[in-house]
Amino acid sequence: MPESPALIAGHGHATLLSADGEVLNIAPGALAQALGHIIPLVVHGPATLRRLGDPAVPVIDLLELFAFICPAQSLAPTPAGLARAREMDI
C-alpha cells in the first residue's frame, strides 16, 4: 500500500495529515484541488465526504477494508472503534 495521507473531516472543515507528518487545514471547497491525484485514507468514507459537502474525490475507506478482511466482526464506525477491533491502544 502506498504511503497515503489521512483525511479527517469535521463539519465544514478538513484536516489532512501527510505521510511526512505535515498537518494541513483545508477548506471543504478546496479539498479536490489540495489533494490533486493523491488518494487519502479515511475512516467511514460516506460520513467523511458528507461532512465535506460530498466532493467527488476518491478515498481509501479503512472501514470497508476491515469489513472485507473480517466480514463477521462488527465495530463502531469510528477511528476508536477500528482501533479497539484491532486491539490497538488508544
Protein backbone atom coordinates (compact mmCIF):
# COMPACT_ATOMS: atom_id res chain seq x y z
CA MET A 1 0.00 0.00 0.00
CA PRO A 2 1.45 3.38 -0.94
CA GLU A 3 2.01 6.00 1.71
CA SER A 4 -1.19 7.99 1.81
CA PRO A 5 -2.24 10.99 3.85
CA ALA A 6 -5.04 10.67 6.39
CA LEU A 7 -8.10 12.86 5.92
CA ILE A 8 -10.14 13.89 8.95
CA ALA A 9 -13.36 15.85 8.45
CA GLY A 10 -15.37 17.93 10.84
CA HIS A 11 -18.50 19.83 9.93
CA GLY A 12 -17.30 22.45 7.48
CA HIS A 13 -13.57 21.82 7.70
CA ALA A 14 -11.00 19.20 6.80
CA THR A 15 -7.55 18.32 8.10
CA LEU A 16 -5.03 16.35 6.11
CA LEU A 17 -2.13 14.59 7.82
CA SER A 18 0.53 13.89 5.20
CA ALA A 19 2.71 10.80 5.15
CA ASP A 20 5.55 13.12 6.28
CA GLY A 21 3.58 14.26 9.36
CA GLU A 22 2.62 17.68 7.99
CA VAL A 23 -0.82 18.89 9.12
CA LEU A 24 -2.82 20.92 6.61
CA ASN A 25 -6.16 22.59 7.33
CA ILE A 26 -8.22 22.64 4.16
CA ALA A 27 -11.47 24.42 3.34
CA PRO A 28 -14.04 21.88 2.09
CA GLY A 29 -14.40 23.60 -1.29
CA ALA A 30 -10.64 23.35 -1.87
CA LEU A 31 -10.28 19.66 -0.99
CA ALA A 32 -10.14 18.25 -4.52
CA GLN A 33 -7.55 20.85 -5.54
CA ALA A 34 -5.46 20.27 -2.39
CA LEU A 35 -5.41 16.50 -2.90
CA GLY A 36 -4.57 16.55 -6.59
CA HIS A 37 -4.03 12.92 -7.60
CA ILE A 38 -3.43 11.73 -4.03
CA ILE A 39 -5.98 9.32 -2.54
CA PRO A 40 -6.30 9.82 1.24
CA LEU A 41 -7.11 7.27 3.94
CA VAL A 42 -10.36 7.83 5.82
CA VAL A 43 -12.47 6.05 8.41
CA HIS A 44 -16.11 5.86 7.27
CA GLY A 45 -15.84 7.37 3.80
CA PRO A 46 -19.55 8.18 3.28
CA ALA A 47 -19.76 10.19 6.52
CA THR A 48 -16.44 11.92 5.89
CA LEU A 49 -17.42 13.02 2.39
CA ARG A 50 -20.92 14.04 3.53
CA ARG A 51 -19.39 16.36 6.15
CA LEU A 52 -17.35 17.97 3.39
CA GLY A 53 -20.31 18.56 1.08
CA ASP A 54 -19.95 15.31 -0.94
CA PRO A 55 -16.94 16.25 -3.06
CA ALA A 56 -16.15 13.88 -5.91
CA VAL A 57 -12.79 12.71 -4.56
CA PRO A 58 -11.66 9.09 -4.29
CA VAL A 59 -10.75 7.83 -0.81
CA ILE A 60 -9.47 4.61 0.72
CA ASP A 61 -12.02 3.71 3.39
CA LEU A 62 -10.37 1.73 6.19
CA LEU A 63 -13.77 0.54 7.47
CA GLU A 64 -14.54 -1.03 4.07
CA LEU A 65 -11.15 -2.70 4.10
CA PHE A 66 -11.79 -4.04 7.60
CA ALA A 67 -15.24 -5.35 6.59
CA PHE A 68 -13.69 -7.14 3.61
CA ILE A 69 -10.93 -8.74 5.68
CA CYS A 70 -13.05 -9.51 8.79
CA PRO A 71 -16.63 -9.82 7.45
CA ALA A 72 -18.12 -11.39 10.59
CA GLN A 73 -16.67 -8.87 13.06
CA SER A 74 -18.59 -5.74 13.98
CA LEU A 75 -17.23 -2.47 15.29
CA ALA A 76 -18.21 1.11 15.90
CA PRO A 77 -17.70 3.11 12.67
CA THR A 78 -15.16 5.45 14.26
CA PRO A 79 -11.36 5.58 14.44
CA ALA A 80 -11.59 4.47 18.10
CA GLY A 81 -13.87 1.57 17.15
CA LEU A 82 -11.43 0.46 14.46
CA ALA A 83 -8.52 0.69 16.90
CA ARG A 84 -10.38 -1.36 19.53
CA ALA A 85 -11.30 -4.02 16.94
CA ARG A 86 -7.60 -4.28 16.01
CA GLU A 87 -6.69 -4.39 19.72
CA MET A 88 -4.61 -1.23 19.46
CA ASP A 89 -4.01 1.08 22.40
CA ILE A 90 -5.91 4.32 22.02
